[in-house]
Amino acid sequence: MNEVFANMGWGVLFIIVGGVAGVVVLVLVAAILPRLIDRMTPAIDEEKEMARGNTAVADYFGRVVGACILGASIIIAAAVLGGILAALR
């Protein structure tokens, strides 16, 4: 019975550590990704185009950044779930 509680404790620890690490990685991705897209499209100033009301640039920029952040979130969730499953075995 003590082994069950120990495994549950490890599972909770992995959830907390994985969640904190996931939040840190996601914040870094959200901070770095717009700058990376700016560097990949040097001929287009996205901020200026969005201020002018160019919705095509805003839609593209928002969708690309959103998709990358969603992808990073899925990867982080899989890593946290893997840690939980490893702790409970």
C-alpha atoms as a PDB file:
ATOM      1  CA  MET A   1       0.000   0.000   0.000  1.00  0.00           C
ATOM      2  CA  ASN A   2       2.925   2.347   0.687  1.00  0.00           C
ATOM      3  CA  GLU A   3       4.121   1.820  -2.870  1.00  0.00           C
ATOM      4  CA  VAL A   4       0.786   3.077  -4.212  1.00  0.00           C
ATOM      5  CA  PHE A   5       1.032   6.298  -2.192  1.00  0.00           C
ATOM      6  CA  ALA A   6       4.656   6.743  -3.202  1.00  0.00           C
ATOM      7  CA  ASN A   7       3.729   6.368  -6.864  1.00  0.00           C
ATOM      8  CA  MET A   8       0.868   8.833  -6.435  1.00  0.00           C
ATOM      9  CA  GLY A   9       3.277  11.285  -4.822  1.00  0.00           C
ATOM     10  CA  TRP A  10       5.694  10.935  -7.721  1.00  0.00           C
ATOM     11  CA  GLY A  11       2.799  11.431 -10.142  1.00  0.00           C
ATOM     12  CA  VAL A  12       1.778  14.663  -8.403  1.00  0.00           C
ATOM     13  CA  LEU A  13       5.398  15.827  -8.384  1.00  0.00           C
ATOM     14  CA  PHE A  14       5.721  15.133 -12.120  1.00  0.00           C
ATOM     15  CA  ILE A  15       2.469  17.025 -12.772  1.00  0.00           C
ATOM     16  CA  ILE A  16       3.702  20.087 -10.866  1.00  0.00           C
ATOM     17  CA  VAL A  17       7.221  20.087 -12.325  1.00  0.00           C
ATOM     18  CA  GLY A  18       5.966  19.320 -15.825  1.00  0.00           C
ATOM     19  CA  GLY A  19       3.296  21.998 -15.595  1.00  0.00           C
ATOM     20  CA  VAL A  20       5.755  24.653 -14.457  1.00  0.00           C
ATOM     21  CA  ALA A  21       8.287  23.646 -17.102  1.00  0.00           C
ATOM     22  CA  GLY A  22       5.524  23.642 -19.714  1.00  0.00           C
ATOM     23  CA  VAL A  23       4.400  27.137 -18.784  1.00  0.00           C
ATOM     24  CA  VAL A  24       7.981  28.420 -18.961  1.00  0.00           C
ATOM     25  CA  VAL A  25       8.563  26.825 -22.363  1.00  0.00           C
ATOM     26  CA  LEU A  26       5.240  28.110 -23.695  1.00  0.00           C
ATOM     27  CA  VAL A  27       5.988  31.665 -22.553  1.00  0.00           C
ATOM     28  CA  LEU A  28       9.395  31.464 -24.235  1.00  0.00           C
ATOM     29  CA  VAL A  29       7.833  30.170 -27.449  1.00  0.00           C
ATOM     30  CA  ALA A  30       5.205  32.920 -27.391  1.00  0.00           C
ATOM     31  CA  ALA A  31       7.910  35.557 -26.845  1.00  0.00           C
ATOM     32  CA  ILE A  32      10.404  34.295 -29.424  1.00  0.00           C
ATOM     33  CA  LEU A  33       8.074  33.216 -32.221  1.00  0.00           C
ATOM     34  CA  PRO A  34       6.847  36.675 -33.371  1.00  0.00           C
ATOM     35  CA  ARG A  35      10.465  37.868 -33.595  1.00  0.00           C
ATOM     36  CA  LEU A  36      11.362  34.774 -35.611  1.00  0.00           C
ATOM     37  CA  ILE A  37       8.542  35.419 -38.071  1.00  0.00           C
ATOM     38  CA  ASP A  38       9.676  39.052 -38.377  1.00  0.00           C
ATOM     39  CA  ARG A  39      13.161  37.829 -39.315  1.00  0.00           C
ATOM     40  CA  MET A  40      11.778  35.330 -41.822  1.00  0.00           C
ATOM     41  CA  THR A  41       9.803  38.065 -43.619  1.00  0.00           C
ATOM     42  CA  PRO A  42      12.207  41.029 -43.714  1.00  0.00           C
ATOM     43  CA  ALA A  43      10.373  42.815 -46.540  1.00  0.00           C
ATOM     44  CA  ILE A  44       7.121  43.025 -44.560  1.00  0.00           C
ATOM     45  CA  ASP A  45       6.745  45.032 -41.368  1.00  0.00           C
ATOM     46  CA  GLU A  46       3.853  43.195 -39.781  1.00  0.00           C
ATOM     47  CA  GLU A  47       3.214  45.737 -37.033  1.00  0.00           C
ATOM     48  CA  LYS A  48       3.039  48.619 -39.490  1.00  0.00           C
ATOM     49  CA  GLU A  49       0.784  46.665 -41.845  1.00  0.00           C
ATOM     50  CA  MET A  50      -1.556  45.745 -39.007  1.00  0.00           C
ATOM     51  CA  ALA A  51      -1.668  49.391 -37.888  1.00  0.00           C
ATOM     52  CA  ARG A  52      -2.663  50.349 -41.452  1.00  0.00           C
ATOM     53  CA  GLY A  53      -5.569  47.922 -41.241  1.00  0.00           C
ATOM     54  CA  ASN A  54      -4.197  45.198 -43.500  1.00  0.00           C
ATOM     55  CA  THR A  55      -6.275  42.282 -42.271  1.00  0.00           C
ATOM     56  CA  ALA A  56      -4.538  39.728 -44.513  1.00  0.00           C
ATOM     57  CA  VAL A  57      -1.213  40.242 -42.732  1.00  0.00           C
ATOM     58  CA  ALA A  58      -2.916  40.209 -39.344  1.00  0.00           C
ATOM     59  CA  ASP A  59      -4.766  36.978 -40.172  1.00  0.00           C
ATOM     60  CA  TYR A  60      -1.634  35.269 -41.483  1.00  0.00           C
ATOM     61  CA  PHE A  61       0.529  36.405 -38.570  1.00  0.00           C
ATOM     62  CA  GLY A  62      -2.100  35.429 -36.008  1.00  0.00           C
ATOM     63  CA  ARG A  63      -2.722  32.029 -37.527  1.00  0.00           C
ATOM     64  CA  VAL A  64       0.944  31.127 -37.852  1.00  0.00           C
ATOM     65  CA  VAL A  65       1.803  32.238 -34.320  1.00  0.00           C
ATOM     66  CA  GLY A  66      -1.327  30.615 -32.906  1.00  0.00           C
ATOM     67  CA  ALA A  67      -0.660  27.325 -34.675  1.00  0.00           C
ATOM     68  CA  CYS A  68       2.930  27.221 -33.427  1.00  0.00           C
ATOM     69  CA  ILE A  69       1.876  27.966 -29.859  1.00  0.00           C
ATOM     70  CA  LEU A  70      -0.825  25.280 -30.083  1.00  0.00           C
ATOM     71  CA  GLY A  71       1.734  22.801 -31.412  1.00  0.00           C
ATOM     72  CA  ALA A  72       4.123  23.591 -28.568  1.00  0.00           C
ATOM     73  CA  SER A  73       1.256  23.127 -26.094  1.00  0.00           C
ATOM     74  CA  ILE A  74       0.456  19.691 -27.481  1.00  0.00           C
ATOM     75  CA  ILE A  75       4.100  18.629 -27.249  1.00  0.00           C
ATOM     76  CA  ILE A  76       4.332  19.879 -23.659  1.00  0.00           C
ATOM     77  CA  ALA A  77       1.108  18.079 -22.725  1.00  0.00           C
ATOM     78  CA  ALA A  78       2.448  14.834 -24.176  1.00  0.00           C
ATOM     79  CA  ALA A  79       5.676  15.227 -22.201  1.00  0.00           C
ATOM     80  CA  VAL A  80       3.797  15.864 -18.956  1.00  0.00           C
ATOM     81  CA  LEU A  81       1.502  12.893 -19.599  1.00  0.00           C
ATOM     82  CA  GLY A  82       4.524  10.699 -20.298  1.00  0.00           C
ATOM     83  CA  GLY A  83       6.056  11.748 -16.999  1.00  0.00           C
ATOM     84  CA  ILE A  84       2.845  10.980 -15.150  1.00  0.00           C
ATOM     85  CA  LEU A  85       2.531   7.552 -16.743  1.00  0.00           C
ATOM     86  CA  ALA A  86       6.185   6.805 -15.944  1.00  0.00           C
ATOM     87  CA  ALA A  87       5.632   7.769 -12.318  1.00  0.00           C
ATOM     88  CA  LEU A  88       2.549   5.613 -11.935  1.00  0.00           C
ATOM     89  CA  ARG A  89       4.157   2.433 -13.270  1.00  0.00           C
END
